[in-house]
Structure formats: C-alpha cells, structure tokens
PDB file of N, CA and C in Angstrom:
ATOM      1  N   MET A   1      16.760 -33.243  92.312  1.00  0.00           N
ATOM      2  CA  MET A   1      16.863 -33.202  93.758  1.00  0.00           C
ATOM      3  C   MET A   1      17.102 -34.585  94.349  1.00  0.00           C
ATOM      4  N   LYS A   2      16.479 -35.615  93.764  1.00  0.00           N
ATOM      5  CA  LYS A   2      16.650 -36.948  94.310  1.00  0.00           C
ATOM      6  C   LYS A   2      18.095 -37.420  94.208  1.00  0.00           C
ATOM      7  N   GLY A   3      18.740 -37.093  93.109  1.00  0.00           N
ATOM      8  CA  GLY A   3      20.130 -37.498  92.920  1.00  0.00           C
ATOM      9  C   GLY A   3      21.043 -36.916  93.988  1.00  0.00           C
ATOM     10  N   ARG A   4      20.816 -35.654  94.333  1.00  0.00           N
ATOM     11  CA  ARG A   4      21.630 -34.998  95.352  1.00  0.00           C
ATOM     12  C   ARG A   4      21.386 -35.623  96.722  1.00  0.00           C
ATOM     13  N   GLU A   5      20.132 -35.930  97.043  1.00  0.00           N
ATOM     14  CA  GLU A   5      19.806 -36.548  98.331  1.00  0.00           C
ATOM     15  C   GLU A   5      20.441 -37.926  98.447  1.00  0.00           C
ATOM     16  N   GLU A   6      20.415 -38.690  97.358  1.00  0.00           N
ATOM     17  CA  GLU A   6      21.026 -40.018  97.374  1.00  0.00           C
ATOM     18  C   GLU A   6      22.538 -39.923  97.566  1.00  0.00           C
ATOM     19  N   LYS A   7      23.160 -38.948  96.903  1.00  0.00           N
ATOM     20  CA  LYS A   7      24.606 -38.764  97.052  1.00  0.00           C
ATOM     21  C   LYS A   7      24.957 -38.366  98.483  1.00  0.00           C
ATOM     22  N   ASN A   8      24.158 -37.467  99.062  1.00  0.00           N
ATOM     23  CA  ASN A   8      24.405 -37.047 100.443  1.00  0.00           C
ATOM     24  C   ASN A   8      24.236 -38.211 101.412  1.00  0.00           C
ATOM     25  N   LYS A   9      23.231 -39.041 101.182  1.00  0.00           N
ATOM     26  CA  LYS A   9      22.999 -40.193 102.045  1.00  0.00           C
ATOM     27  C   LYS A   9      24.151 -41.187 101.920  1.00  0.00           C
ATOM     28  N   ALA A  10      24.601 -41.431 100.691  1.00  0.00           N
ATOM     29  CA  ALA A  10      25.716 -42.352 100.474  1.00  0.00           C
ATOM     30  C   ALA A  10      26.989 -41.822 101.129  1.00  0.00           C
ATOM     31  N   LYS A  11      27.222 -40.526 101.015  1.00  0.00           N
ATOM     32  CA  LYS A  11      28.402 -39.909 101.626  1.00  0.00           C
ATOM     33  C   LYS A  11      28.332 -40.022 103.146  1.00  0.00           C
ATOM     34  N   GLY A  12      27.148 -39.807 103.720  1.00  0.00           N
ATOM     35  CA  GLY A  12      26.973 -39.936 105.162  1.00  0.00           C
ATOM     36  C   GLY A  12      27.240 -41.345 105.645  1.00  0.00           C
ATOM     37  N   GLU A  13      26.781 -42.340 104.885  1.00  0.00           N
ATOM     38  CA  GLU A  13      27.031 -43.732 105.254  1.00  0.00           C
ATOM     39  C   GLU A  13      28.520 -44.059 105.166  1.00  0.00           C
ATOM     40  N   MET A  14      29.202 -43.511 104.162  1.00  0.00           N
ATOM     41  CA  MET A  14      30.631 -43.748 104.016  1.00  0.00           C
ATOM     42  C   MET A  14      31.402 -43.141 105.199  1.00  0.00           C
ATOM     43  N   ILE A  15      31.028 -41.948 105.609  1.00  0.00           N
ATOM     44  CA  ILE A  15      31.674 -41.303 106.751  1.00  0.00           C
ATOM     45  C   ILE A  15      31.416 -42.102 108.023  1.00  0.00           C
ATOM     46  N   LYS A  16      30.213 -42.608 108.186  1.00  0.00           N
ATOM     47  CA  LYS A  16      29.869 -43.399 109.363  1.00  0.00           C
ATOM     48  C   LYS A  16      30.710 -44.670 109.422  1.00  0.00           C
ATOM     49  N   ARG A  17      30.835 -45.370 108.289  1.00  0.00           N
ATOM     50  CA  ARG A  17      31.658 -46.588 108.246  1.00  0.00           C
ATOM     51  C   ARG A  17      33.111 -46.274 108.578  1.00  0.00           C
ATOM     52  N   HIS A  18      33.615 -45.188 108.021  1.00  0.00           N
ATOM     53  CA  HIS A  18      35.003 -44.797 108.265  1.00  0.00           C
ATOM     54  C   HIS A  18      35.235 -44.509 109.750  1.00  0.00           C
ATOM     55  N   SER A  19      34.310 -43.793 110.379  1.00  0.00           N
ATOM     56  CA  SER A  19      34.484 -43.465 111.789  1.00  0.00           C
ATOM     57  C   SER A  19      34.337 -44.695 112.674  1.00  0.00           C
ATOM     58  N   GLU A  20      33.520 -45.657 112.269  1.00  0.00           N
ATOM     59  CA  GLU A  20      33.397 -46.889 113.042  1.00  0.00           C
ATOM     60  C   GLU A  20      34.681 -47.706 112.972  1.00  0.00           C
ATOM     61  N   ILE A  21      35.310 -47.728 111.810  1.00  0.00           N
ATOM     62  CA  ILE A  21      36.536 -48.504 111.642  1.00  0.00           C
ATOM     63  C   ILE A  21      37.719 -47.802 112.293  1.00  0.00           C
ATOM     64  N   ASN A  22      37.889 -46.517 112.033  1.00  0.00           N
ATOM     65  CA  ASN A  22      39.067 -45.781 112.490  1.00  0.00           C
ATOM     66  C   ASN A  22      38.873 -45.064 113.814  1.00  0.00           C
ATOM     67  N   GLY A  23      37.678 -45.009 114.320  1.00  0.00           N
ATOM     68  CA  GLY A  23      37.411 -44.262 115.535  1.00  0.00           C
ATOM     69  C   GLY A  23      37.505 -45.091 116.804  1.00  0.00           C
ATOM     70  N   ILE A  24      38.233 -46.186 116.744  1.00  0.00           N
ATOM     71  CA  ILE A  24      38.357 -47.049 117.915  1.00  0.00           C
ATOM     72  C   ILE A  24      39.316 -46.393 118.896  1.00  0.00           C
ATOM     73  N   GLN A  25      38.852 -46.163 120.108  1.00  0.00           N
ATOM     74  CA  GLN A  25      39.719 -45.565 121.105  1.00  0.00           C
ATOM     75  C   GLN A  25      40.252 -46.654 122.020  1.00  0.00           C
ATOM     76  N   GLU A  26      41.496 -46.498 122.404  1.00  0.00           N
ATOM     77  CA  GLU A  26      42.115 -47.464 123.295  1.00  0.00           C
ATOM     78  C   GLU A  26      41.864 -47.022 124.724  1.00  0.00           C
ATOM     79  N   LEU A  27      41.375 -47.929 125.530  1.00  0.00           N
ATOM     80  CA  LEU A  27      41.122 -47.635 126.929  1.00  0.00           C
ATOM     81  C   LEU A  27      42.262 -48.200 127.761  1.00  0.00           C
ATOM     82  N   TYR A  28      42.739 -47.422 128.694  1.00  0.00           N
ATOM     83  CA  TYR A  28      43.845 -47.830 129.550  1.00  0.00           C
ATOM     84  C   TYR A  28      43.321 -48.061 130.957  1.00  0.00           C
ATOM     85  N   GLU A  29      43.893 -49.031 131.625  1.00  0.00           N
ATOM     86  CA  GLU A  29      43.484 -49.346 132.992  1.00  0.00           C
ATOM     87  C   GLU A  29      44.279 -48.497 133.973  1.00  0.00           C
ATOM     88  N   GLU A  30      43.692 -48.254 135.130  1.00  0.00           N
ATOM     89  CA  GLU A  30      44.403 -47.534 136.178  1.00  0.00           C
ATOM     90  C   GLU A  30      45.593 -48.370 136.622  1.00  0.00           C
ATOM     91  N   GLY A  31      46.732 -47.712 136.797  1.00  0.00           N
ATOM     92  CA  GLY A  31      47.945 -48.406 137.197  1.00  0.00           C
ATOM     93  C   GLY A  31      48.847 -48.790 136.040  1.00  0.00           C
ATOM     94  N   SER A  32      48.347 -48.711 134.806  1.00  0.00           N
ATOM     95  CA  SER A  32      49.185 -49.050 133.653  1.00  0.00           C
ATOM     96  C   SER A  32      50.047 -47.845 133.274  1.00  0.00           C
ATOM     97  N   TYR A  33      51.123 -48.118 132.556  1.00  0.00           N
ATOM     98  CA  TYR A  33      52.055 -47.066 132.156  1.00  0.00           C
ATOM     99  C   TYR A  33      51.862 -46.709 130.691  1.00  0.00           C
ATOM    100  N   VAL A  34      51.950 -45.409 130.404  1.00  0.00           N
ATOM    101  CA  VAL A  34      51.766 -44.903 129.042  1.00  0.00           C
ATOM    102  C   VAL A  34      52.836 -43.856 128.736  1.00  0.00           C
ATOM    103  N   LEU A  35      53.024 -43.604 127.450  1.00  0.00           N
ATOM    104  CA  LEU A  35      53.852 -42.497 126.979  1.00  0.00           C
ATOM    105  C   LEU A  35      52.925 -41.451 126.390  1.00  0.00           C
ATOM    106  N   MET A  36      53.297 -40.184 126.537  1.00  0.00           N
ATOM    107  CA  MET A  36      52.483 -39.098 126.011  1.00  0.00           C
ATOM    108  C   MET A  36      53.169 -38.526 124.768  1.00  0.00           C
ATOM    109  N   ILE A  37      52.407 -38.358 123.699  1.00  0.00           N
ATOM    110  CA  ILE A  37      52.947 -37.793 122.467  1.00  0.00           C
ATOM    111  C   ILE A  37      53.301 -36.330 122.706  1.00  0.00           C
ATOM    112  N   ASN A  38      54.510 -35.950 122.312  1.00  0.00           N
ATOM    113  CA  ASN A  38      55.003 -34.589 122.487  1.00  0.00           C
ATOM    114  C   ASN A  38      54.495 -33.725 121.340  1.00  0.00           C
ATOM    115  N   LYS A  39      53.433 -32.954 121.576  1.00  0.00           N
ATOM    116  CA  LYS A  39      52.820 -32.127 120.533  1.00  0.00           C
ATOM    117  C   LYS A  39      53.684 -30.917 120.173  1.00  0.00           C
ATOM    118  N   LYS A  40      54.469 -30.423 121.123  1.00  0.00           N
ATOM    119  CA  LYS A  40      55.294 -29.236 120.877  1.00  0.00           C
ATOM    120  C   LYS A  40      56.726 -29.636 120.532  1.00  0.00           C
ATOM    121  N   LYS A  41      56.871 -30.697 119.805  1.00  0.00           N
ATOM    122  CA  LYS A  41      58.169 -31.258 119.470  1.00  0.00           C
ATOM    123  C   LYS A  41      58.925 -30.372 118.493  1.00  0.00           C
ATOM    124  N   LYS A  42      60.179 -30.120 118.826  1.00  0.00           N
ATOM    125  CA  LYS A  42      61.092 -29.434 117.909  1.00  0.00           C
ATOM    126  C   LYS A  42      61.888 -30.502 117.170  1.00  0.00           C
ATOM    127  N   LYS A  43      62.814 -30.084 116.370  1.00  0.00           N
ATOM    128  CA  LYS A  43      63.543 -30.986 115.479  1.00  0.00           C
ATOM    129  C   LYS A  43      64.242 -32.139 116.216  1.00  0.00           C
ATOM    130  N   LEU A  44      64.933 -31.849 117.295  1.00  0.00           N
ATOM    131  CA  LEU A  44      65.704 -32.873 117.995  1.00  0.00           C
ATOM    132  C   LEU A  44      65.054 -33.342 119.295  1.00  0.00           C
ATOM    133  N   ASP A  45      63.873 -32.877 119.580  1.00  0.00           N
ATOM    134  CA  ASP A  45      63.172 -33.290 120.796  1.00  0.00           C
ATOM    135  C   ASP A  45      62.618 -34.696 120.633  1.00  0.00           C
ATOM    136  N   PRO A  46      62.420 -35.400 121.748  1.00  0.00           N
ATOM    137  CA  PRO A  46      61.843 -36.749 121.659  1.00  0.00           C
ATOM    138  C   PRO A  46      60.382 -36.707 121.223  1.00  0.00           C
ATOM    139  N   LYS A  47      59.960 -37.761 120.543  1.00  0.00           N
ATOM    140  CA  LYS A  47      58.583 -37.846 120.052  1.00  0.00           C
ATOM    141  C   LYS A  47      57.604 -38.104 121.198  1.00  0.00           C
ATOM    142  N   TYR A  48      58.058 -38.841 122.214  1.00  0.00           N
ATOM    143  CA  TYR A  48      57.196 -39.202 123.340  1.00  0.00           C
ATOM    144  C   TYR A  48      57.803 -38.715 124.646  1.00  0.00           C
ATOM    145  N   LEU A  49      56.939 -38.424 125.609  1.00  0.00           N
ATOM    146  CA  LEU A  49      57.339 -38.059 126.958  1.00  0.00           C
ATOM    147  C   LEU A  49      56.843 -39.135 127.906  1.00  0.00           C
ATOM    148  N   GLY A  50      57.624 -39.413 128.935  1.00  0.00           N
ATOM    149  CA  GLY A  50      57.137 -40.383 129.900  1.00  0.00           C
ATOM    150  C   GLY A  50      58.214 -41.314 130.386  1.00  0.00           C
ATOM    151  N   PRO A  51      57.820 -42.403 130.986  1.00  0.00           N
ATOM    152  CA  PRO A  51      56.491 -42.989 131.121  1.00  0.00           C
ATOM    153  C   PRO A  51      55.696 -42.351 132.258  1.00  0.00           C
ATOM    154  N   PHE A  52      54.398 -42.411 132.138  1.00  0.00           N
ATOM    155  CA  PHE A  52      53.489 -41.919 133.156  1.00  0.00           C
ATOM    156  C   PHE A  52      52.576 -43.056 133.596  1.00  0.00           C
ATOM    157  N   LYS A  53      52.201 -43.023 134.853  1.00  0.00           N
ATOM    158  CA  LYS A  53      51.266 -44.008 135.391  1.00  0.00           C
ATOM    159  C   LYS A  53      49.870 -43.400 135.382  1.00  0.00           C
ATOM    160  N   ILE A  54      48.894 -44.174 134.950  1.00  0.00           N
ATOM    161  CA  ILE A  54      47.511 -43.688 134.938  1.00  0.00           C
ATOM    162  C   ILE A  54      46.940 -43.816 136.341  1.00  0.00           C
ATOM    163  N   ILE A  55      46.510 -42.685 136.872  1.00  0.00           N
ATOM    164  CA  ILE A  55      45.918 -42.659 138.207  1.00  0.00           C
ATOM    165  C   ILE A  55      44.414 -42.855 138.128  1.00  0.00           C
ATOM    166  N   LYS A  56      43.791 -42.123 137.188  1.00  0.00           N
ATOM    167  CA  LYS A  56      42.334 -42.108 137.141  1.00  0.00           C
ATOM    168  C   LYS A  56      41.866 -41.778 135.734  1.00  0.00           C
ATOM    169  N   GLN A  57      40.771 -42.403 135.330  1.00  0.00           N
ATOM    170  CA  GLN A  57      40.127 -42.059 134.067  1.00  0.00           C
ATOM    171  C   GLN A  57      38.939 -41.164 134.390  1.00  0.00           C
ATOM    172  N   THR A  58      38.887 -40.006 133.739  1.00  0.00           N
ATOM    173  CA  THR A  58      37.770 -39.096 133.953  1.00  0.00           C
ATOM    174  C   THR A  58      36.980 -39.011 132.663  1.00  0.00           C
ATOM    175  N   GLY A  59      35.713 -39.234 132.740  1.00  0.00           N
ATOM    176  CA  GLY A  59      34.890 -39.255 131.534  1.00  0.00           C
ATOM    177  C   GLY A  59      35.215 -40.476 130.699  1.00  0.00           C
ATOM    178  N   LEU A  60      35.078 -40.350 129.398  1.00  0.00           N
ATOM    179  CA  LEU A  60      35.343 -41.479 128.518  1.00  0.00           C
ATOM    180  C   LEU A  60      36.743 -41.482 127.946  1.00  0.00           C
ATOM    181  N   SER A  61      37.374 -40.312 127.866  1.00  0.00           N
ATOM    182  CA  SER A  61      38.610 -40.280 127.101  1.00  0.00           C
ATOM    183  C   SER A  61      39.741 -39.462 127.714  1.00  0.00           C
ATOM    184  N   ALA A  62      39.613 -38.989 128.930  1.00  0.00           N
ATOM    185  CA  ALA A  62      40.669 -38.195 129.555  1.00  0.00           C
ATOM    186  C   ALA A  62      41.244 -38.946 130.752  1.00  0.00           C
ATOM    187  N   TYR A  63      42.543 -38.750 130.974  1.00  0.00           N
ATOM    188  CA  TYR A  63      43.236 -39.469 132.035  1.00  0.00           C
ATOM    189  C   TYR A  63      44.056 -38.514 132.887  1.00  0.00           C
ATOM    190  N   LYS A  64      44.135 -38.830 134.178  1.00  0.00           N
ATOM    191  CA  LYS A  64      44.992 -38.119 135.125  1.00  0.00           C
ATOM    192  C   LYS A  64      46.259 -38.952 135.238  1.00  0.00           C
ATOM    193  N   LEU A  65      47.439 -38.311 135.063  1.00  0.00           N
ATOM    194  CA  LEU A  65      48.704 -39.034 135.013  1.00  0.00           C
ATOM    195  C   LEU A  65      49.624 -38.647 136.161  1.00  0.00           C
ATOM    196  N   GLU A  66      50.540 -39.579 136.475  1.00  0.00           N
ATOM    197  CA  GLU A  66      51.519 -39.375 137.534  1.00  0.00           C
ATOM    198  C   GLU A  66      52.888 -39.815 137.024  1.00  0.00           C
ATOM    199  N   THR A  67      53.937 -39.063 137.368  1.00  0.00           N
ATOM    200  CA  THR A  67      55.296 -39.441 136.994  1.00  0.00           C
ATOM    201  C   THR A  67      55.771 -40.565 137.913  1.00  0.00           C
ATOM    202  N   PRO A  68      56.846 -41.273 137.548  1.00  0.00           N
ATOM    203  CA  PRO A  68      57.369 -42.326 138.426  1.00  0.00           C
ATOM    204  C   PRO A  68      57.847 -41.801 139.776  1.00  0.00           C
ATOM    205  N   THR A  69      58.167 -40.518 139.859  1.00  0.00           N
ATOM    206  CA  THR A  69      58.606 -39.939 141.131  1.00  0.00           C
ATOM    207  C   THR A  69      57.439 -39.542 142.026  1.00  0.00           C
ATOM    208  N   GLY A  70      56.209 -39.650 141.533  1.00  0.00           N
ATOM    209  CA  GLY A  70      55.033 -39.368 142.336  1.00  0.00           C
ATOM    210  C   GLY A  70      54.381 -38.025 142.073  1.00  0.00           C
ATOM    211  N   MET A  71      54.930 -37.225 141.167  1.00  0.00           N
ATOM    212  CA  MET A  71      54.347 -35.923 140.846  1.00  0.00           C
ATOM    213  C   MET A  71      53.135 -36.121 139.931  1.00  0.00           C
ATOM    214  N   VAL A  72      52.004 -35.539 140.296  1.00  0.00           N
ATOM    215  CA  VAL A  72      50.778 -35.659 139.506  1.00  0.00           C
ATOM    216  C   VAL A  72      50.704 -34.481 138.540  1.00  0.00           C
ATOM    217  N   LEU A  73      50.424 -34.768 137.263  1.00  0.00           N
ATOM    218  CA  LEU A  73      50.286 -33.701 136.272  1.00  0.00           C
ATOM    219  C   LEU A  73      49.012 -32.912 136.545  1.00  0.00           C
ATOM    220  N   LYS A  74      49.074 -31.601 136.362  1.00  0.00           N
ATOM    221  CA  LYS A  74      47.926 -30.733 136.643  1.00  0.00           C
ATOM    222  C   LYS A  74      46.810 -30.900 135.622  1.00  0.00           C
ATOM    223  N   THR A  75      47.185 -31.142 134.381  1.00  0.00           N
ATOM    224  CA  THR A  75      46.188 -31.201 133.318  1.00  0.00           C
ATOM    225  C   THR A  75      45.791 -32.636 133.009  1.00  0.00           C
ATOM    226  N   LEU A  76      44.571 -32.795 132.515  1.00  0.00           N
ATOM    227  CA  LEU A  76      44.114 -34.091 132.039  1.00  0.00           C
ATOM    228  C   LEU A  76      44.635 -34.293 130.622  1.00  0.00           C
ATOM    229  N   VAL A  77      44.859 -35.551 130.248  1.00  0.00           N
ATOM    230  CA  VAL A  77      45.404 -35.865 128.932  1.00  0.00           C
ATOM    231  C   VAL A  77      44.401 -36.735 128.187  1.00  0.00           C
ATOM    232  N   HIS A  78      44.080 -36.345 126.953  1.00  0.00           N
ATOM    233  CA  HIS A  78      43.146 -37.089 126.111  1.00  0.00           C
ATOM    234  C   HIS A  78      43.799 -38.377 125.628  1.00  0.00           C
ATOM    235  N   HIS A  79      42.993 -39.415 125.431  1.00  0.00           N
ATOM    236  CA  HIS A  79      43.532 -40.723 125.046  1.00  0.00           C
ATOM    237  C   HIS A  79      44.247 -40.694 123.702  1.00  0.00           C
ATOM    238  N   ASN A  80      43.936 -39.730 122.830  1.00  0.00           N
ATOM    239  CA  ASN A  80      44.611 -39.632 121.533  1.00  0.00           C
ATOM    240  C   ASN A  80      46.090 -39.299 121.673  1.00  0.00           C
ATOM    241  N   ARG A  81      46.486 -38.723 122.801  1.00  0.00           N
ATOM    242  CA  ARG A  81      47.888 -38.351 123.018  1.00  0.00           C
ATOM    243  C   ARG A  81      48.670 -39.422 123.754  1.00  0.00           C
ATOM    244  N   LEU A  82      48.063 -40.572 124.017  1.00  0.00           N
ATOM    245  CA  LEU A  82      48.722 -41.615 124.797  1.00  0.00           C
ATOM    246  C   LEU A  82      48.990 -42.858 123.966  1.00  0.00           C
ATOM    247  N   VAL A  83      50.114 -43.512 124.265  1.00  0.00           N
ATOM    248  CA  VAL A  83      50.438 -44.820 123.693  1.00  0.00           C
ATOM    249  C   VAL A  83      50.938 -45.694 124.840  1.00  0.00           C
ATOM    250  N   PRO A  84      50.728 -47.013 124.770  1.00  0.00           N
ATOM    251  CA  PRO A  84      51.190 -47.884 125.855  1.00  0.00           C
ATOM    252  C   PRO A  84      52.712 -47.862 125.975  1.00  0.00           C
ATOM    253  N   ALA A  85      53.207 -47.938 127.200  1.00  0.00           N
ATOM    254  CA  ALA A  85      54.652 -48.004 127.452  1.00  0.00           C
ATOM    255  C   ALA A  85      55.002 -49.452 127.762  1.00  0.00           C
ATOM    256  N   TYR A  86      55.850 -50.028 126.928  1.00  0.00           N
ATOM    257  CA  TYR A  86      56.283 -51.407 127.127  1.00  0.00           C
ATOM    258  C   TYR A  86      57.731 -51.401 127.578  1.00  0.00           C
ATOM    259  N   ALA A  87      58.041 -52.180 128.601  1.00  0.00           N
ATOM    260  CA  ALA A  87      59.408 -52.285 129.088  1.00  0.00           C
ATOM    261  C   ALA A  87      59.625 -53.691 129.626  1.00  0.00           C
ATOM    262  N   SER A  88      60.895 -54.060 129.813  1.00  0.00           N
ATOM    263  CA  SER A  88      61.193 -55.407 130.292  1.00  0.00           C
ATOM    264  C   SER A  88      60.748 -55.596 131.739  1.00  0.00           C
ATOM    265  N   ASN A  89      60.759 -54.514 132.521  1.00  0.00           N
ATOM    266  CA  ASN A  89      60.235 -54.593 133.891  1.00  0.00           C
ATOM    267  C   ASN A  89      59.286 -53.429 134.116  1.00  0.00           C
ATOM    268  N   ASP A  90      58.404 -53.578 135.058  1.00  0.00           N
ATOM    269  CA  ASP A  90      57.413 -52.532 135.329  1.00  0.00           C
ATOM    270  C   ASP A  90      57.853 -51.593 136.446  1.00  0.00           C
ATOM    271  N   LYS A  91      59.123 -51.632 136.801  1.00  0.00           N
ATOM    272  CA  LYS A  91      59.608 -50.786 137.885  1.00  0.00           C
ATOM    273  C   LYS A  91      60.271 -49.541 137.304  1.00  0.00           C
ATOM    274  N   PHE A  92      59.448 -48.565 136.960  1.00  0.00           N
ATOM    275  CA  PHE A  92      59.957 -47.310 136.432  1.00  0.00           C
ATOM    276  C   PHE A  92      60.333 -46.424 137.611  1.00  0.00           C
ATOM    277  N   THR A  93      61.559 -45.927 137.620  1.00  0.00           N
ATOM    278  CA  THR A  93      61.997 -45.082 138.730  1.00  0.00           C
ATOM    279  C   THR A  93      62.188 -43.632 138.322  1.00  0.00           C
ATOM    280  N   GLU A  94      62.353 -43.375 137.024  1.00  0.00           N
ATOM    281  CA  GLU A  94      62.529 -41.999 136.561  1.00  0.00           C
ATOM    282  C   GLU A  94      61.948 -41.857 135.165  1.00  0.00           C
ATOM    283  N   LEU A  95      61.746 -40.616 134.765  1.00  0.00           N
ATOM    284  CA  LEU A  95      61.228 -40.346 133.429  1.00  0.00           C
ATOM    285  C   LEU A  95      62.285 -40.688 132.389  1.00  0.00           C
ATOM    286  N   TRP A  96      61.867 -41.237 131.274  1.00  0.00           N
ATOM    287  CA  TRP A  96      62.786 -41.500 130.172  1.00  0.00           C
ATOM    288  C   TRP A  96      63.175 -40.200 129.505  1.00  0.00           C
ATOM    289  N   THR A  97      62.262 -39.250 129.490  1.00  0.00           N
ATOM    290  CA  THR A  97      62.515 -37.933 128.907  1.00  0.00           C
ATOM    291  C   THR A  97      62.104 -36.879 129.917  1.00  0.00           C
ATOM    292  N   LYS A  98      62.684 -35.723 129.824  1.00  0.00           N
ATOM    293  CA  LYS A  98      62.377 -34.632 130.746  1.00  0.00           C
ATOM    294  C   LYS A  98      61.194 -33.827 130.227  1.00  0.00           C
ATOM    295  N   VAL A  99      60.229 -33.575 131.081  1.00  0.00           N
ATOM    296  CA  VAL A  99      59.057 -32.780 130.717  1.00  0.00           C
ATOM    297  C   VAL A  99      59.388 -31.311 130.926  1.00  0.00           C
ATOM    298  N   GLY A 100      59.229 -30.521 129.879  1.00  0.00           N
ATOM    299  CA  GLY A 100      59.445 -29.079 129.988  1.00  0.00           C
ATOM    300  C   GLY A 100      60.891 -28.675 130.186  1.00  0.00           C
ATOM    301  N   ALA A 101      61.847 -29.476 129.720  1.00  0.00           N
ATOM    302  CA  ALA A 101      63.261 -29.168 129.911  1.00  0.00           C
ATOM    303  C   ALA A 101      63.722 -28.041 128.997  1.00  0.00           C
ATOM    304  N   ARG A 102      63.114 -27.910 127.835  1.00  0.00           N
ATOM    305  CA  ARG A 102      63.526 -26.893 126.859  1.00  0.00           C
ATOM    306  C   ARG A 102      62.953 -25.536 127.236  1.00  0.00           C
ATOM    307  N   LYS A 103      63.759 -24.498 127.107  1.00  0.00           N
ATOM    308  CA  LYS A 103      63.293 -23.139 127.424  1.00  0.00           C
ATOM    309  C   LYS A 103      63.143 -22.323 126.191  1.00  0.00           C
TER     310      LYS A 103
END
C-alpha cells in the first residue's frame, strides 16, 4: 500500500508542476486588440478571426469583444481562444476576416 501512495503522491506533484509551468494565462488590457481562434475552421477558412478590441474583462478569463466597426459580440470569449493582434498601426477600420461568412 505504501508504494501505491508514494506513486500517487509523486504523480500528483508532477501534474502540479506541469500545470504551473504550462497553465500561464495571458491577460489582456482593455482597449488592446486581439485575434480569436476559429474553432469551427474548415479546410480553407482562416485560422484566426478579427481583429477585435477588448471592451471588458469579466471574471478571470473571459472577455467582451468589439469589432472595429463598433459591433459588440453577444458572447464572452475565453482567454484560451485569444492571441494578441500585432499591426504596424493601431487604426483598425475593418475586420481582416469575415465572422460567420460561410453558410
């Protein structure tokens, strides 16, 4: 029995270390621009949608987003689906990709 308990404890410590190293979440500031990962991507669809402006952070990991044209998305987006949007200028006037264009 002791051997099994030691193995379980060692496994738990290994999982804890792994989650501490890989579980780092990126926090975005209000007003910054992000791209959203396209989860329903088909073969020729773009990998990312956006750019979107962060309006508000709700809780620890969900964000309310707005398009460059001012339309606010109805759903909250988890931080795991977001990546920073880098561009030469911060004046985004239109979406780089169309949201929901495919039927």
